[in-house]
Amino acid sequence: MATCHKELASLIKASVDQTEREELQRYQIEELQQLDLANFSYSSLSEEHSKLANLGQILSTGQALVDLLYEGDPQSVNQMLSHSLSELTHIARFAPELTEIGNLLSEAQIQTEEAAIQLRRFLESQEADPNAWMYLKTRLALFRL
């Protein structure tokens, strides 16, 4: 009879262990479903998380670059190109072969202006959203489980 009680206790323990393992697996499956792995891109989330985590630096450095390229008064790249183009146009009257170089400087000035405009638009479109940053942080943490 004692053997039967031991065997029964062993079977009950095995049953409890099995139930606990099943609960753990259900929990893990639920966690995986929440991750929505079919639509999950770790690299995209990681990239967005990094961008939001470093947004202050992105905004300050980006604005400094906009100023350097276009909006800084006499020392902007745009102003220096404009001055160089003006001087080159003046001396190209005496050496027409310099005209092509003037064309290159003019194109560089247009490209510089376009780069500054696009950078300014990018900076204006950025928002510091702590909720988005926390959401991304949570999603990445779930993935690392």
N, C-alpha and C. Protein backbone atom coordinates (compact mmCIF):
# COMPACT_ATOMS: atom_id res chain seq x y z
N MET A 1 0.80 -1.18 0.00
CA MET A 1 0.00 0.00 0.00
C MET A 1 0.86 1.27 0.00
N ALA A 2 1.94 1.26 0.74
CA ALA A 2 2.85 2.40 0.79
C ALA A 2 3.44 2.67 -0.59
N THR A 3 3.71 1.61 -1.32
CA THR A 3 4.24 1.76 -2.67
C THR A 3 3.23 2.45 -3.57
N CYS A 4 1.99 2.10 -3.41
CA CYS A 4 0.91 2.73 -4.20
C CYS A 4 0.81 4.21 -3.88
N HIS A 5 0.93 4.57 -2.60
CA HIS A 5 0.88 5.98 -2.21
C HIS A 5 2.07 6.74 -2.78
N LYS A 6 3.25 6.13 -2.75
CA LYS A 6 4.44 6.78 -3.32
C LYS A 6 4.27 6.98 -4.82
N GLU A 7 3.76 5.96 -5.48
CA GLU A 7 3.56 6.06 -6.93
C GLU A 7 2.50 7.11 -7.25
N LEU A 8 1.43 7.16 -6.46
CA LEU A 8 0.39 8.16 -6.66
C LEU A 8 0.96 9.56 -6.44
N ALA A 9 1.73 9.74 -5.40
CA ALA A 9 2.35 11.03 -5.13
C ALA A 9 3.29 11.42 -6.27
N SER A 10 4.02 10.47 -6.79
CA SER A 10 4.93 10.71 -7.91
C SER A 10 4.14 11.11 -9.16
N LEU A 11 3.05 10.46 -9.41
CA LEU A 11 2.22 10.79 -10.57
C LEU A 11 1.58 12.17 -10.42
N ILE A 12 1.14 12.49 -9.22
CA ILE A 12 0.55 13.82 -8.97
C ILE A 12 1.60 14.90 -9.19
N LYS A 13 2.83 14.66 -8.66
CA LYS A 13 3.91 15.63 -8.87
C LYS A 13 4.23 15.79 -10.35
N ALA A 14 4.28 14.69 -11.08
CA ALA A 14 4.55 14.74 -12.51
C ALA A 14 3.44 15.51 -13.23
N SER A 15 2.22 15.32 -12.80
CA SER A 15 1.09 16.03 -13.39
C SER A 15 1.18 17.53 -13.13
N VAL A 16 1.54 17.90 -11.90
CA VAL A 16 1.70 19.31 -11.54
C VAL A 16 2.84 19.92 -12.36
N ASP A 17 3.96 19.19 -12.46
CA ASP A 17 5.10 19.66 -13.25
C ASP A 17 4.69 19.87 -14.70
N GLN A 18 3.93 18.92 -15.24
CA GLN A 18 3.47 19.03 -16.63
C GLN A 18 2.58 20.26 -16.80
N THR A 19 1.69 20.48 -15.85
CA THR A 19 0.79 21.64 -15.90
C THR A 19 1.60 22.94 -15.86
N GLU A 20 2.61 23.00 -15.02
CA GLU A 20 3.45 24.19 -14.92
C GLU A 20 4.21 24.44 -16.22
N ARG A 21 4.72 23.36 -16.83
CA ARG A 21 5.43 23.50 -18.12
C ARG A 21 4.46 24.01 -19.19
N GLU A 22 3.24 23.50 -19.19
CA GLU A 22 2.24 23.94 -20.17
C GLU A 22 1.90 25.42 -19.98
N GLU A 23 1.77 25.84 -18.72
CA GLU A 23 1.50 27.25 -18.44
C GLU A 23 2.64 28.13 -18.92
N LEU A 24 3.87 27.69 -18.68
CA LEU A 24 5.02 28.44 -19.14
C LEU A 24 5.03 28.54 -20.67
N GLN A 25 4.75 27.44 -21.33
CA GLN A 25 4.71 27.45 -22.79
C GLN A 25 3.59 28.34 -23.32
N ARG A 26 2.43 28.34 -22.65
CA ARG A 26 1.34 29.23 -23.07
C ARG A 26 1.77 30.69 -22.92
N TYR A 27 2.44 30.98 -21.81
CA TYR A 27 2.94 32.33 -21.59
C TYR A 27 3.95 32.73 -22.67
N GLN A 28 4.87 31.82 -22.99
CA GLN A 28 5.87 32.10 -24.01
C GLN A 28 5.23 32.28 -25.38
N ILE A 29 4.23 31.50 -25.70
CA ILE A 29 3.52 31.64 -26.96
C ILE A 29 2.81 32.99 -27.02
N GLU A 30 2.20 33.38 -25.91
CA GLU A 30 1.53 34.68 -25.85
C GLU A 30 2.55 35.81 -26.07
N GLU A 31 3.70 35.70 -25.44
CA GLU A 31 4.76 36.70 -25.63
C GLU A 31 5.19 36.77 -27.09
N LEU A 32 5.37 35.62 -27.72
CA LEU A 32 5.76 35.59 -29.13
C LEU A 32 4.68 36.18 -30.01
N GLN A 33 3.43 35.93 -29.70
CA GLN A 33 2.34 36.51 -30.48
C GLN A 33 2.31 38.02 -30.33
N GLN A 34 2.59 38.51 -29.14
CA GLN A 34 2.64 39.95 -28.93
C GLN A 34 3.76 40.60 -29.73
N LEU A 35 4.83 39.86 -29.94
CA LEU A 35 5.94 40.40 -30.74
C LEU A 35 5.55 40.55 -32.20
N ASP A 36 4.56 39.80 -32.65
CA ASP A 36 4.11 39.86 -34.05
C ASP A 36 5.32 39.70 -34.97
N LEU A 37 5.99 38.56 -34.83
CA LEU A 37 7.25 38.33 -35.55
C LEU A 37 7.10 38.37 -37.06
N ALA A 38 5.90 38.08 -37.56
CA ALA A 38 5.70 38.14 -39.01
C ALA A 38 5.91 39.56 -39.53
N ASN A 39 5.58 40.54 -38.70
CA ASN A 39 5.72 41.95 -39.11
C ASN A 39 6.83 42.65 -38.34
N PHE A 40 7.71 41.88 -37.75
CA PHE A 40 8.75 42.43 -36.88
C PHE A 40 10.05 42.62 -37.66
N SER A 41 10.62 43.78 -37.53
CA SER A 41 11.92 44.05 -38.12
C SER A 41 12.82 44.60 -37.02
N TYR A 42 13.66 43.74 -36.48
CA TYR A 42 14.54 44.14 -35.39
C TYR A 42 15.42 45.30 -35.82
N SER A 43 15.96 45.24 -37.02
CA SER A 43 16.87 46.31 -37.45
C SER A 43 16.14 47.64 -37.56
N SER A 44 14.90 47.63 -38.04
CA SER A 44 14.13 48.88 -38.13
C SER A 44 13.84 49.45 -36.74
N LEU A 45 13.42 48.57 -35.83
CA LEU A 45 13.13 49.04 -34.47
C LEU A 45 14.39 49.55 -33.79
N SER A 46 15.48 48.83 -33.98
CA SER A 46 16.74 49.23 -33.37
C SER A 46 17.21 50.57 -33.93
N GLU A 47 17.07 50.74 -35.23
CA GLU A 47 17.46 51.99 -35.88
C GLU A 47 16.61 53.16 -35.37
N GLU A 48 15.30 52.96 -35.31
CA GLU A 48 14.39 54.00 -34.81
C GLU A 48 14.67 54.32 -33.34
N HIS A 49 14.93 53.28 -32.55
CA HIS A 49 15.26 53.47 -31.14
C HIS A 49 16.53 54.31 -31.00
N SER A 50 17.53 53.98 -31.78
CA SER A 50 18.80 54.71 -31.74
C SER A 50 18.59 56.18 -32.13
N LYS A 51 17.77 56.39 -33.16
CA LYS A 51 17.51 57.76 -33.61
C LYS A 51 16.82 58.56 -32.50
N LEU A 52 15.80 57.97 -31.88
CA LEU A 52 15.09 58.68 -30.82
C LEU A 52 15.97 58.90 -29.59
N ALA A 53 16.81 57.93 -29.28
CA ALA A 53 17.69 58.05 -28.12
C ALA A 53 18.74 59.15 -28.32
N ASN A 54 19.07 59.43 -29.57
CA ASN A 54 20.10 60.43 -29.88
C ASN A 54 19.54 61.67 -30.56
N LEU A 55 18.23 61.89 -30.40
CA LEU A 55 17.57 62.98 -31.11
C LEU A 55 18.14 64.35 -30.77
N GLY A 56 18.49 64.57 -29.53
CA GLY A 56 19.06 65.86 -29.14
C GLY A 56 20.32 66.18 -29.92
N GLN A 57 21.20 65.20 -30.01
CA GLN A 57 22.44 65.39 -30.76
C GLN A 57 22.16 65.56 -32.25
N ILE A 58 21.22 64.78 -32.77
CA ILE A 58 20.87 64.89 -34.19
C ILE A 58 20.37 66.30 -34.50
N LEU A 59 19.48 66.82 -33.64
CA LEU A 59 18.91 68.16 -33.88
C LEU A 59 19.95 69.26 -33.75
N SER A 60 20.79 69.19 -32.72
CA SER A 60 21.77 70.26 -32.54
C SER A 60 22.85 70.24 -33.62
N THR A 61 23.36 69.06 -33.93
CA THR A 61 24.38 68.95 -34.97
C THR A 61 23.78 69.29 -36.33
N GLY A 62 22.57 68.81 -36.58
CA GLY A 62 21.91 69.11 -37.85
C GLY A 62 21.71 70.59 -38.05
N GLN A 63 21.26 71.30 -36.99
CA GLN A 63 21.06 72.75 -37.11
C GLN A 63 22.38 73.47 -37.33
N ALA A 64 23.43 73.00 -36.67
CA ALA A 64 24.75 73.61 -36.88
C ALA A 64 25.19 73.43 -38.34
N LEU A 65 24.86 72.28 -38.91
CA LEU A 65 25.21 72.04 -40.32
C LEU A 65 24.40 72.92 -41.26
N VAL A 66 23.11 73.09 -40.97
CA VAL A 66 22.28 73.98 -41.80
C VAL A 66 22.86 75.38 -41.76
N ASP A 67 23.24 75.83 -40.56
CA ASP A 67 23.85 77.16 -40.44
C ASP A 67 25.15 77.24 -41.23
N LEU A 68 25.98 76.22 -41.12
CA LEU A 68 27.27 76.22 -41.81
C LEU A 68 27.07 76.19 -43.33
N LEU A 69 26.12 75.41 -43.79
CA LEU A 69 25.91 75.29 -45.23
C LEU A 69 25.24 76.51 -45.84
N TYR A 70 24.25 77.06 -45.16
CA TYR A 70 23.42 78.03 -45.85
C TYR A 70 23.02 79.25 -45.04
N GLU A 71 22.73 79.06 -43.76
CA GLU A 71 22.11 80.15 -43.02
C GLU A 71 23.09 81.04 -42.26
N GLY A 72 24.33 80.60 -42.11
CA GLY A 72 25.32 81.45 -41.45
C GLY A 72 25.63 82.64 -42.34
N ASP A 73 25.77 83.79 -41.78
CA ASP A 73 25.93 85.02 -42.57
C ASP A 73 27.09 84.96 -43.57
N PRO A 74 28.20 85.61 -43.31
CA PRO A 74 29.23 85.67 -44.36
C PRO A 74 30.08 84.40 -44.47
N GLN A 75 30.01 83.54 -43.48
CA GLN A 75 30.89 82.38 -43.49
C GLN A 75 30.21 81.08 -43.89
N SER A 76 29.00 81.13 -44.41
CA SER A 76 28.34 79.89 -44.83
C SER A 76 28.98 79.38 -46.12
N VAL A 77 28.88 78.09 -46.33
CA VAL A 77 29.41 77.49 -47.56
C VAL A 77 28.75 78.14 -48.77
N ASN A 78 27.45 78.38 -48.68
CA ASN A 78 26.73 79.01 -49.78
C ASN A 78 27.29 80.40 -50.10
N GLN A 79 27.55 81.19 -49.07
CA GLN A 79 28.09 82.54 -49.28
C GLN A 79 29.51 82.49 -49.85
N MET A 80 30.29 81.54 -49.37
CA MET A 80 31.66 81.41 -49.90
C MET A 80 31.64 80.96 -51.36
N LEU A 81 30.74 80.04 -51.68
CA LEU A 81 30.62 79.63 -53.08
C LEU A 81 30.15 80.79 -53.95
N SER A 82 29.20 81.55 -53.44
CA SER A 82 28.69 82.70 -54.18
C SER A 82 29.82 83.71 -54.45
N HIS A 83 30.60 83.98 -53.41
CA HIS A 83 31.73 84.91 -53.56
C HIS A 83 32.76 84.35 -54.55
N SER A 84 33.07 83.07 -54.43
CA SER A 84 34.04 82.45 -55.35
C SER A 84 33.53 82.49 -56.79
N LEU A 85 32.26 82.23 -56.97
CA LEU A 85 31.67 82.26 -58.31
C LEU A 85 31.73 83.67 -58.90
N SER A 86 31.46 84.65 -58.06
CA SER A 86 31.52 86.04 -58.51
C SER A 86 32.94 86.40 -58.95
N GLU A 87 33.92 86.04 -58.13
CA GLU A 87 35.32 86.34 -58.46
C GLU A 87 35.76 85.59 -59.72
N LEU A 88 35.35 84.32 -59.82
CA LEU A 88 35.73 83.52 -60.99
C LEU A 88 35.08 84.06 -62.26
N THR A 89 33.85 84.49 -62.17
CA THR A 89 33.15 85.07 -63.33
C THR A 89 33.89 86.32 -63.80
N HIS A 90 34.37 87.10 -62.83
CA HIS A 90 35.11 88.31 -63.16
C HIS A 90 36.39 87.98 -63.94
N ILE A 91 37.17 87.02 -63.47
CA ILE A 91 38.43 86.71 -64.15
C ILE A 91 38.22 85.85 -65.39
N ALA A 92 37.06 85.18 -65.50
CA ALA A 92 36.78 84.37 -66.70
C ALA A 92 36.63 85.25 -67.92
N ARG A 93 36.40 86.55 -67.73
CA ARG A 93 36.34 87.47 -68.87
C ARG A 93 37.70 87.51 -69.58
N PHE A 94 38.75 87.27 -68.81
CA PHE A 94 40.10 87.31 -69.36
C PHE A 94 40.61 85.93 -69.76
N ALA A 95 40.01 84.88 -69.15
CA ALA A 95 40.42 83.50 -69.45
C ALA A 95 39.15 82.67 -69.59
N PRO A 96 38.55 82.61 -70.77
CA PRO A 96 37.27 81.93 -70.99
C PRO A 96 37.28 80.45 -70.59
N GLU A 97 38.43 79.82 -70.56
CA GLU A 97 38.48 78.41 -70.17
C GLU A 97 38.08 78.22 -68.69
N LEU A 98 37.99 79.27 -67.94
CA LEU A 98 37.54 79.20 -66.54
C LEU A 98 36.01 79.13 -66.42
N THR A 99 35.32 79.32 -67.53
CA THR A 99 33.85 79.30 -67.51
C THR A 99 33.31 77.97 -67.02
N GLU A 100 33.92 76.88 -67.43
CA GLU A 100 33.47 75.55 -66.99
C GLU A 100 33.62 75.39 -65.48
N ILE A 101 34.69 75.94 -64.94
CA ILE A 101 34.88 75.89 -63.49
C ILE A 101 33.78 76.69 -62.81
N GLY A 102 33.41 77.81 -63.41
CA GLY A 102 32.29 78.61 -62.88
C GLY A 102 31.00 77.81 -62.88
N ASN A 103 30.79 77.03 -63.94
CA ASN A 103 29.60 76.18 -64.00
C ASN A 103 29.60 75.15 -62.86
N LEU A 104 30.77 74.58 -62.61
CA LEU A 104 30.89 73.62 -61.51
C LEU A 104 30.58 74.28 -60.16
N LEU A 105 31.10 75.49 -59.95
CA LEU A 105 30.83 76.19 -58.70
C LEU A 105 29.34 76.53 -58.57
N SER A 106 28.73 76.90 -59.68
CA SER A 106 27.29 77.19 -59.67
C SER A 106 26.49 75.94 -59.30
N GLU A 107 26.87 74.81 -59.87
CA GLU A 107 26.20 73.54 -59.54
C GLU A 107 26.43 73.18 -58.06
N ALA A 108 27.64 73.42 -57.57
CA ALA A 108 27.94 73.14 -56.16
C ALA A 108 27.08 74.02 -55.26
N GLN A 109 26.88 75.26 -55.65
CA GLN A 109 26.05 76.16 -54.86
C GLN A 109 24.60 75.68 -54.84
N ILE A 110 24.09 75.23 -55.97
CA ILE A 110 22.72 74.70 -56.04
C ILE A 110 22.61 73.45 -55.18
N GLN A 111 23.58 72.55 -55.27
CA GLN A 111 23.56 71.32 -54.47
C GLN A 111 23.65 71.62 -52.98
N THR A 112 24.46 72.59 -52.62
CA THR A 112 24.60 72.99 -51.22
C THR A 112 23.28 73.53 -50.68
N GLU A 113 22.63 74.38 -51.47
CA GLU A 113 21.34 74.93 -51.06
C GLU A 113 20.31 73.81 -50.91
N GLU A 114 20.28 72.89 -51.86
CA GLU A 114 19.33 71.78 -51.80
C GLU A 114 19.60 70.89 -50.58
N ALA A 115 20.86 70.64 -50.29
CA ALA A 115 21.21 69.83 -49.12
C ALA A 115 20.75 70.53 -47.84
N ALA A 116 20.96 71.83 -47.75
CA ALA A 116 20.54 72.58 -46.57
C ALA A 116 19.02 72.56 -46.41
N ILE A 117 18.30 72.71 -47.51
CA ILE A 117 16.83 72.69 -47.47
C ILE A 117 16.33 71.32 -47.02
N GLN A 118 16.89 70.26 -47.57
CA GLN A 118 16.46 68.92 -47.19
C GLN A 118 16.81 68.62 -45.72
N LEU A 119 17.97 69.05 -45.28
CA LEU A 119 18.36 68.85 -43.89
C LEU A 119 17.42 69.62 -42.96
N ARG A 120 17.09 70.86 -43.31
CA ARG A 120 16.16 71.66 -42.50
C ARG A 120 14.80 70.98 -42.42
N ARG A 121 14.30 70.47 -43.55
CA ARG A 121 13.01 69.76 -43.55
C ARG A 121 13.06 68.53 -42.65
N PHE A 122 14.15 67.79 -42.75
CA PHE A 122 14.31 66.62 -41.89
C PHE A 122 14.25 67.02 -40.42
N LEU A 123 15.00 68.05 -40.05
CA LEU A 123 15.05 68.49 -38.66
C LEU A 123 13.68 68.96 -38.18
N GLU A 124 12.96 69.66 -39.04
CA GLU A 124 11.63 70.15 -38.66
C GLU A 124 10.63 69.02 -38.49
N SER A 125 10.87 67.90 -39.15
CA SER A 125 9.92 66.78 -39.08
C SER A 125 10.17 65.88 -37.86
N GLN A 126 11.25 66.11 -37.14
CA GLN A 126 11.59 65.25 -36.01
C GLN A 126 10.86 65.72 -34.75
N GLU A 127 10.37 64.76 -33.99
CA GLU A 127 9.67 65.05 -32.74
C GLU A 127 10.26 64.22 -31.62
N ALA A 128 10.43 64.85 -30.49
CA ALA A 128 10.86 64.12 -29.31
C ALA A 128 9.61 63.56 -28.63
N ASP A 129 9.36 62.28 -28.84
CA ASP A 129 8.19 61.62 -28.28
C ASP A 129 8.64 60.54 -27.31
N PRO A 130 8.61 60.84 -25.99
CA PRO A 130 9.08 59.87 -25.01
C PRO A 130 8.28 58.57 -25.04
N ASN A 131 7.00 58.66 -25.38
CA ASN A 131 6.17 57.45 -25.44
C ASN A 131 6.64 56.52 -26.56
N ALA A 132 6.98 57.10 -27.70
CA ALA A 132 7.47 56.28 -28.82
C ALA A 132 8.79 55.62 -28.45
N TRP A 133 9.65 56.37 -27.77
CA TRP A 133 10.95 55.82 -27.38
C TRP A 133 10.76 54.67 -26.40
N MET A 134 9.86 54.85 -25.42
CA MET A 134 9.61 53.78 -24.45
C MET A 134 8.97 52.56 -25.12
N TYR A 135 8.06 52.78 -26.07
CA TYR A 135 7.45 51.68 -26.81
C TYR A 135 8.52 50.86 -27.53
N LEU A 136 9.41 51.56 -28.23
CA LEU A 136 10.48 50.86 -28.95
C LEU A 136 11.41 50.13 -27.99
N LYS A 137 11.70 50.75 -26.89
CA LYS A 137 12.58 50.12 -25.88
C LYS A 137 11.93 48.83 -25.36
N THR A 138 10.62 48.89 -25.09
CA THR A 138 9.89 47.71 -24.61
C THR A 138 9.86 46.61 -25.66
N ARG A 139 9.58 46.99 -26.91
CA ARG A 139 9.54 46.00 -28.00
C ARG A 139 10.90 45.32 -28.16
N LEU A 140 11.96 46.10 -28.11
CA LEU A 140 13.29 45.51 -28.26
C LEU A 140 13.62 44.60 -27.08
N ALA A 141 13.20 45.00 -25.88
CA ALA A 141 13.45 44.17 -24.69
C ALA A 141 12.69 42.85 -24.80
N LEU A 142 11.47 42.87 -25.30
CA LEU A 142 10.70 41.63 -25.47
C LEU A 142 11.39 40.70 -26.46
N PHE A 143 11.96 41.27 -27.48
CA PHE A 143 12.62 40.46 -28.50
C PHE A 143 13.85 39.77 -27.94
N ARG A 144 14.51 40.43 -27.00
CA ARG A 144 15.74 39.88 -26.42
C ARG A 144 15.48 38.78 -25.42
N LEU A 145 14.21 38.56 -25.05
CA LEU A 145 13.90 37.51 -24.07
C LEU A 145 14.33 36.20 -24.55
